[in-house]
Protein backbone atom coordinates (compact mmCIF):
# COMPACT_ATOMS: atom_id res chain seq x y z
CA MET A 1 112.33 152.73 75.09
CA VAL A 2 113.90 149.33 74.59
CA GLN A 3 117.69 149.74 74.98
CA ASN A 4 119.24 146.78 73.12
CA THR A 5 118.44 143.58 71.29
CA VAL A 6 119.03 141.23 74.23
CA THR A 7 116.86 143.29 76.56
CA ALA A 8 114.20 143.68 73.89
CA GLU A 9 114.06 139.96 73.15
CA LYS A 10 113.71 139.12 76.82
CA ARG A 11 110.94 141.68 77.19
CA LEU A 12 109.20 140.44 74.04
CA LYS A 13 109.46 136.82 75.15
CA LYS A 14 107.85 137.65 78.49
CA LEU A 15 104.97 139.43 76.78
CA VAL A 16 104.50 136.71 74.15
CA GLU A 17 104.36 134.05 76.86
CA ALA A 18 101.98 135.95 79.15
CA GLY A 19 99.01 133.89 77.95
CA GLN A 20 100.72 130.55 78.49
CA GLU A 21 99.12 128.30 81.11
CA ALA A 22 102.09 128.73 83.43
CA ASN A 23 101.89 132.54 83.31
CA ARG A 24 98.34 133.65 82.53
CA PHE A 25 97.24 133.84 86.18
CA ASN A 26 100.09 136.05 87.42
CA TRP A 27 98.59 139.46 86.69
CA ALA A 28 95.13 138.53 87.90
CA LYS A 29 96.50 137.27 91.21
CA GLU A 30 98.60 140.41 91.65
CA TRP A 31 95.48 142.48 90.95
CA LYS A 32 93.53 140.44 93.50
CA ALA A 33 96.31 140.88 96.07
CA GLN A 34 95.72 144.65 95.84
CA GLY A 35 92.17 144.12 97.09
CA LYS A 36 90.60 144.55 93.65
CA LYS A 37 88.14 142.27 91.88
CA VAL A 38 88.79 140.00 88.89
CA ILE A 39 85.92 139.17 86.52
CA GLY A 40 86.32 136.28 84.08
CA LEU A 41 84.95 136.34 80.53
CA VAL A 42 84.24 133.50 78.13
CA ASP A 43 83.29 135.53 75.07
CA THR A 44 84.72 138.44 73.10
CA TYR A 45 81.17 139.83 72.64
CA ILE A 46 81.14 140.93 76.30
CA PRO A 47 82.08 144.66 76.55
CA GLU A 48 85.20 144.60 78.70
CA GLU A 49 85.26 148.37 79.11
CA ILE A 50 82.31 148.25 81.52
CA ILE A 51 84.18 145.88 83.84
CA TYR A 52 87.32 148.01 83.57
CA ALA A 53 85.31 151.15 84.39
CA ALA A 54 84.02 149.42 87.54
CA GLY A 55 87.59 149.07 88.78
CA ALA A 56 87.72 145.31 88.17
CA LEU A 57 90.08 143.38 85.90
CA PRO A 58 88.41 141.83 82.83
CA TRP A 59 90.21 138.49 82.44
CA HIS A 60 89.50 136.12 79.57
CA ILE A 61 89.09 132.56 80.73
CA PHE A 62 91.19 129.96 78.95
CA GLY A 63 90.77 126.31 79.83
CA THR A 64 93.42 123.89 80.98
CA TRP A 65 95.68 122.72 78.16
CA ARG A 66 95.92 119.22 79.65
CA GLN A 67 94.34 116.43 77.66
CA ASN A 68 92.23 114.82 80.35
CA VAL A 69 89.32 116.56 82.08
CA PRO A 70 88.17 113.97 84.66
CA LEU A 71 86.27 116.42 86.89
CA ALA A 72 84.42 118.16 84.05
CA SER A 73 83.50 114.84 82.44
CA VAL A 74 81.16 114.18 85.36
CA TYR A 75 79.01 117.09 84.12
CA ARG A 76 79.79 117.29 80.43
CA PRO A 77 79.55 114.42 77.91
CA PRO A 78 82.47 114.03 75.48
CA ASN A 79 80.43 115.15 72.46
CA THR A 80 80.10 118.76 73.65
CA CYS A 81 82.26 121.85 73.19
CA ARG A 82 85.81 120.99 74.25
CA TYR A 83 86.61 124.57 75.22
CA CYS A 84 83.75 124.55 77.74
CA ALA A 85 84.88 121.19 79.11
CA HIS A 86 88.43 122.42 79.66
CA VAL A 87 87.17 125.66 81.22
CA LEU A 88 84.94 123.72 83.63
CA GLU A 89 87.91 121.51 84.52
CA SER A 90 89.93 124.60 85.38
CA PHE A 91 87.13 125.79 87.65
CA MET A 92 86.60 122.47 89.37
CA SER A 93 90.31 121.85 89.93
CA GLY A 94 90.61 125.16 91.78
CA GLN A 95 92.75 126.78 89.10
CA LEU A 96 90.34 129.71 88.84
CA ASP A 97 89.50 130.15 92.52
CA PHE A 98 90.87 133.71 92.39
CA LEU A 99 87.95 134.88 90.22
CA ASP A 100 85.38 137.02 92.01
CA GLY A 101 82.88 136.59 89.25
CA ALA A 102 82.37 135.65 85.62
CA VAL A 103 80.27 136.86 82.72
CA GLY A 104 79.07 134.25 80.29
CA SER A 105 76.99 134.50 77.14
CA ASP A 106 74.71 132.48 74.92
CA TRP A 107 77.30 132.28 72.14
CA ASP A 108 76.03 128.73 71.70
CA ASP A 109 74.14 126.18 73.78
CA ASP A 110 77.34 124.79 75.27
CA ARG A 111 78.39 128.12 76.75
CA ARG A 112 74.89 128.66 78.06
CA VAL A 113 75.08 125.28 79.82
CA LEU A 114 78.51 126.21 81.20
CA TRP A 115 76.88 129.15 82.98
CA PHE A 116 74.20 126.81 84.40
CA GLN A 117 76.97 124.56 85.70
CA TRP A 118 78.68 127.50 87.42
CA THR A 119 75.37 128.27 89.10
CA HIS A 120 74.69 124.66 90.09
CA LEU A 121 78.17 124.30 91.60
CA LYS A 122 77.86 127.71 93.31
CA MET A 123 81.06 128.98 91.73
CA MET A 124 81.95 132.66 92.32
CA SER A 125 79.83 135.24 94.05
CA PHE A 126 78.96 137.12 90.84
CA ARG A 127 77.62 135.26 87.81
CA TYR A 128 76.00 136.97 84.84
CA GLN A 129 74.87 135.67 81.47
CA LEU A 130 74.70 138.25 78.69
CA HIS A 131 72.33 137.61 75.83
CA VAL A 132 73.98 138.48 72.49
CA PRO A 133 71.64 138.81 69.48
CA LEU A 134 72.42 136.64 66.48
CA LYS A 135 72.21 139.47 63.97
CA ASP A 136 73.26 143.10 63.61
CA SER A 137 70.18 145.20 62.96
CA ASP A 138 68.58 148.33 64.42
CA LEU A 139 66.28 146.22 66.59
CA ALA A 140 69.13 143.92 67.69
CA ARG A 141 71.26 146.93 68.66
CA ILE A 142 68.43 148.35 70.77
CA GLN A 143 68.05 145.00 72.50
CA PHE A 144 71.79 144.55 73.04
CA THR A 145 72.13 148.07 74.44
CA ALA A 146 69.43 147.21 76.99
CA ASN A 147 71.22 143.96 77.83
CA VAL A 148 74.55 145.74 78.31
CA THR A 149 72.85 148.35 80.50
CA ARG A 150 71.57 145.56 82.77
CA LEU A 151 75.10 144.13 82.95
CA LYS A 152 76.37 147.59 83.94
CA LYS A 153 73.82 147.80 86.77
CA GLY A 154 74.75 144.34 87.99
CA LEU A 155 78.46 145.25 88.06
CA GLU A 156 77.74 148.52 89.87
CA LYS A 157 75.91 146.64 92.62
CA PHE A 158 78.57 143.93 92.90
CA CYS A 159 81.58 146.26 92.81
CA GLY A 160 79.94 148.95 94.93
CA VAL A 161 80.75 151.75 92.48
CA GLU A 162 78.93 153.98 90.04
CA ILE A 163 80.01 153.46 86.44
CA THR A 164 79.80 156.99 85.06
CA ASP A 165 79.88 158.16 81.46
CA GLN A 166 83.32 159.63 82.18
CA SER A 167 84.72 156.39 83.58
CA LEU A 168 83.36 154.56 80.55
CA ALA A 169 84.90 157.15 78.20
CA ASP A 170 88.24 156.72 79.96
CA ALA A 171 87.99 152.93 79.66
CA ILE A 172 87.10 153.20 75.97
CA GLY A 173 90.18 155.38 75.44
CA VAL A 174 92.43 152.79 77.06
CA TYR A 175 90.98 149.94 75.04
CA ASN A 176 91.11 151.87 71.77
CA LYS A 177 94.80 152.52 72.46
CA MET A 178 95.37 148.80 72.88
CA ARG A 179 93.51 148.13 69.64
CA SER A 180 95.54 150.72 67.72
CA LEU A 181 98.82 149.19 68.92
CA LEU A 182 97.81 145.68 67.90
CA THR A 183 96.66 147.02 64.54
CA ARG A 184 100.21 148.33 64.01
CA VAL A 185 101.56 144.88 64.81
CA TYR A 186 99.22 143.30 62.27
CA GLU A 187 100.28 145.83 59.63
CA MET A 188 103.82 144.47 60.02
CA ARG A 189 102.49 141.06 59.02
CA LYS A 190 101.93 142.38 55.50
CA ARG A 191 105.69 142.35 54.94
CA ASP A 192 107.11 139.55 52.80
CA VAL A 193 109.09 138.52 55.87
CA PRO A 194 107.29 139.73 59.03
CA PRO A 195 109.24 140.47 62.21
CA LEU A 196 106.99 138.15 64.22
CA THR A 197 105.91 134.58 63.59
CA GLY A 198 102.23 133.76 63.66
CA ALA A 199 102.72 131.94 66.96
CA GLU A 200 104.39 134.99 68.50
CA THR A 201 101.57 137.22 67.28
CA LEU A 202 98.96 134.97 68.88
CA GLY A 203 100.99 135.19 72.06
CA LEU A 204 100.71 138.98 71.92
CA THR A 205 96.94 139.00 71.42
CA THR A 206 96.25 136.46 74.15
CA ALA A 207 98.51 138.46 76.49
CA ALA A 208 96.16 141.40 75.98
CA MET A 209 93.30 139.21 77.15
CA VAL A 210 94.81 138.39 80.55
CA MET A 211 96.91 141.44 81.48
CA PRO A 212 95.76 144.79 82.89
CA LYS A 213 95.42 146.96 79.81
CA ASP A 214 97.55 149.83 81.15
CA GLU A 215 100.48 147.50 81.76
CA TYR A 216 99.97 145.74 78.43
CA ILE A 217 99.91 149.03 76.54
CA LYS A 218 103.10 150.16 78.27
CA GLU A 219 104.93 146.96 77.29
CA LEU A 220 103.73 146.77 73.70
CA GLU A 221 104.27 150.47 73.06
CA ALA A 222 107.86 150.17 74.31
CA LEU A 223 108.48 147.15 72.06
CA LEU A 224 107.05 148.55 68.82
CA PRO A 225 110.19 150.48 67.77
CA TYR A 226 112.19 147.28 68.21
CA LEU A 227 109.66 145.21 66.27
CA GLU A 228 109.88 147.64 63.35
CA THR A 229 113.51 146.61 62.81
CA ARG A 230 113.58 143.14 64.38
CA LYS A 231 115.36 140.44 62.40
CA PRO A 232 112.66 137.97 61.25
CA VAL A 233 112.63 134.45 62.68
CA ILE A 234 111.36 132.97 59.39
CA THR A 235 113.66 134.28 56.67
CA SER A 236 113.01 132.16 53.56
CA PRO A 237 109.89 132.40 51.37
CA HIS A 238 107.01 130.30 52.65
CA PRO A 239 103.38 129.90 51.62
CA ARG A 240 101.44 132.59 53.49
CA LEU A 241 98.43 131.23 55.33
CA LEU A 242 95.41 132.68 57.10
CA VAL A 243 94.09 130.61 60.01
CA SER A 244 90.38 130.78 60.82
CA ALA A 245 89.27 129.40 64.20
CA ASP A 246 87.32 130.00 67.41
CA ARG A 247 88.79 129.73 70.94
CA LEU A 248 92.24 128.83 69.66
CA ASP A 249 94.43 130.27 72.41
CA ASN A 250 97.41 127.89 72.32
CA PRO A 251 100.20 129.27 70.07
CA ALA A 252 101.56 125.74 69.74
CA TYR A 253 98.91 125.11 67.08
CA ILE A 254 100.23 128.01 65.03
CA ALA A 255 103.83 126.95 65.65
CA LEU A 256 102.92 123.49 64.33
CA ILE A 257 101.75 125.03 61.05
CA GLU A 258 104.89 127.12 60.73
CA ASP A 259 107.15 124.19 61.57
CA ALA A 260 105.45 122.32 58.74
CA GLY A 261 106.73 124.85 56.21
CA ALA A 262 104.25 127.72 56.13
CA LEU A 263 103.96 131.22 57.55
CA VAL A 264 100.77 132.26 59.34
CA ALA A 265 100.57 135.85 58.13
CA MET A 266 96.97 136.62 59.14
CA ASP A 267 94.12 135.18 61.16
CA ASP A 268 90.34 135.19 61.47
CA MET A 269 90.13 134.28 65.17
CA ASP A 270 88.37 135.59 68.26
CA THR A 271 91.69 135.30 70.07
CA GLY A 272 93.37 137.30 67.30
CA SER A 273 92.05 139.84 64.82
CA ARG A 274 88.41 139.58 65.88
CA TYR A 275 89.35 140.52 69.44
CA PHE A 276 90.64 144.02 68.70
CA TRP A 277 89.89 144.97 65.10
CA ASN A 278 87.15 147.59 65.52
CA GLU A 279 87.54 150.60 67.81
CA VAL A 280 84.66 152.05 69.82
CA PRO A 281 83.33 155.45 68.64
CA VAL A 282 84.18 158.14 71.19
CA ASN A 283 81.16 160.35 70.53
CA GLY A 284 77.66 159.94 71.92
CA ASP A 285 76.32 157.67 74.62
CA PRO A 286 79.13 155.29 75.70
CA ILE A 287 76.84 152.31 76.42
CA GLU A 288 75.26 152.64 73.00
CA ALA A 289 78.68 153.03 71.38
CA LEU A 290 80.02 149.94 73.15
CA SER A 291 76.95 147.90 72.22
CA ARG A 292 77.24 148.94 68.58
CA ARG A 293 80.94 148.08 68.41
CA TYR A 294 80.66 144.67 70.03
CA LEU A 295 77.59 143.58 68.09
CA SER A 296 78.88 144.75 64.70
CA LYS A 297 82.51 143.71 65.15
CA LEU A 298 84.15 141.27 62.76
CA ALA A 299 81.71 138.46 62.13
CA CYS A 300 82.15 134.95 63.48
CA PRO A 301 80.30 131.73 62.52
CA ARG A 302 77.95 132.18 65.47
CA MET A 303 76.35 135.24 63.90
CA THR A 304 73.89 134.95 61.04
CA PHE A 305 75.71 137.37 58.71
CA TRP A 306 78.23 134.86 57.33
CA ASP A 307 78.62 136.98 54.21
CA ARG A 308 80.43 139.65 56.28
CA GLN A 309 82.96 137.11 57.50
CA VAL A 310 83.55 135.93 53.94
CA SER A 311 83.95 139.48 52.62
CA GLN A 312 86.38 140.38 55.38
CA VAL A 313 88.51 137.27 54.85
CA LYS A 314 88.63 137.92 51.10
CA GLU A 315 89.90 141.44 51.79
CA TRP A 316 92.58 140.09 54.13
CA VAL A 317 93.64 137.50 51.57
CA LYS A 318 94.31 140.33 49.12
CA GLU A 319 95.94 142.80 51.54
CA TRP A 320 98.12 140.27 53.37
CA LYS A 321 98.94 138.34 50.17
CA ILE A 322 97.59 135.06 51.50
CA ASP A 323 98.21 131.85 49.54
CA GLY A 324 95.77 129.59 51.39
CA ILE A 325 93.42 129.24 54.36
CA VAL A 326 93.48 126.71 57.19
CA ASN A 327 90.08 126.34 58.83
CA PHE A 328 90.78 124.93 62.32
CA THR A 329 87.43 123.53 63.44
CA MET A 330 87.33 122.58 67.12
CA SER A 331 85.56 119.30 67.88
CA TYR A 332 81.86 119.78 68.63
CA SER A 333 81.92 123.51 67.91
CA TYR A 334 78.61 123.42 66.10
CA PRO A 335 78.35 127.08 64.99
CA ARG A 336 81.57 126.65 62.99
CA PHE A 337 80.42 123.27 61.66
CA PHE A 338 77.18 124.84 60.43
CA GLY A 339 78.91 127.79 58.77
CA MET A 340 81.86 125.88 57.34
CA PRO A 341 80.25 124.65 54.05
CA TYR A 342 79.29 128.21 53.10
CA PHE A 343 82.71 129.54 54.11
CA ARG A 344 84.53 126.80 52.18
CA ASP A 345 82.39 127.13 49.05
CA GLN A 346 82.84 130.91 48.96
CA MET A 347 86.62 130.60 49.28
CA GLU A 348 86.82 127.90 46.63
CA THR A 349 84.64 129.97 44.29
CA ALA A 350 87.10 132.84 44.79
CA GLY A 351 89.99 130.50 43.91
CA ILE A 352 91.49 130.56 47.40
CA PRO A 353 93.01 127.19 48.47
CA PHE A 354 91.22 125.95 51.56
CA LEU A 355 91.96 123.23 54.12
CA THR A 356 89.72 122.19 57.01
CA ILE A 357 91.30 120.43 59.97
CA GLN A 358 89.36 119.29 63.01
CA ARG A 359 91.23 119.84 66.27
CA GLU A 360 90.86 119.42 70.00
CA TYR A 361 91.05 122.33 72.42
CA TYR A 362 94.27 120.94 73.89
CA LEU A 363 97.15 120.25 71.50
CA GLY A 364 96.55 116.69 70.35
CA SER A 365 97.04 114.41 67.31
CA VAL A 366 100.16 116.40 66.48
CA GLY A 367 101.51 113.90 63.94
CA GLN A 368 98.30 113.80 61.91
CA LEU A 369 97.95 117.58 61.98
CA ARG A 370 101.52 118.10 60.84
CA THR A 371 101.14 115.62 57.98
CA ARG A 372 98.05 117.37 56.65
CA VAL A 373 99.55 120.86 56.97
CA GLU A 374 102.80 119.74 55.32
CA ALA A 375 100.87 118.32 52.36
CA PHE A 376 98.88 121.55 52.02
CA ALA A 377 102.00 123.70 52.29
CA GLU A 378 103.82 121.58 49.71
CA THR A 379 100.93 122.02 47.29
CA LEU A 380 101.01 125.78 47.74
CA ALA A 381 104.82 125.87 47.53
CA GLU A 382 104.68 124.56 43.97
CA ASP A 383 103.81 128.11 42.93
CA PHE A 384 106.98 129.54 44.51
């Protein structure tokens, strides 16, 4: 249990900042120092539980937050996914040398090319690309289950262990515990004045993506009683926003919105709600259960069932009492570009104020972003 406010705040700050560029490598390097393997991931559609059951640490790869990517620019033109460029820069600069392997996916063409570049540059001894179907259907689930089974076999060979049904069940239990704890945190965001800012909440979810899950669960579980009664940082009424984005892992973007006069009370992000929202069923074949959960989890623009994303966001707008949506489109993220007109039109038809802002992966054009968010927040504040 957390003993007092000072101790609790220090402990919370450490957890919130675990995903920061200065800290995100600490746990992985400690894990590696124990003689265990670390496997990087570039997609939340990759079933982490299989890696965990193999005794390795699933570690989500974030790119460098620096503006310039001189090494990656040799291989990637500027009009391609900026997340992939910053990830490749991290690899080529030696920042990710501790990784034993990485699992990529065909989320889009840019991430597929990133995997080719790993192979060309002979990075890591284990490289695997998981095909993720674009739809959620009976046939797609059969195919994805087969794909996940092949990933399991590849990890067994690389890690030198057998991934049993029991080890998978144990891993699923750990991950479901993490998901249930984060769900409790998100329930607190329904309050008129939440105990955490949106930036702090993003810090908590990205911490879960880089820390060993047992340690993360221990820390968050100890902090929950304190969070229930924590004095809010934002105390006056603000327009309540939902942020929708992909690969937004820098809380400074959310802090910018809140500094401009709004409160980010909910998100539709793969580094936020979409990472943990659905638990894995504990009955039946674990590989099939994992495949079903990951393929049918909260929809993103990459999948063809955009209507599910819209329906989910509309539900969140109602439950979390959202006043407006900020659609943070990363430069050259084509799946979100393609889906954005449908998303925008559906929100506008529902009478939900909607703002699209194009951003870089690193925190850039701060002045312009703040001006646009301030104008949007002022418009929404007229109803207060």
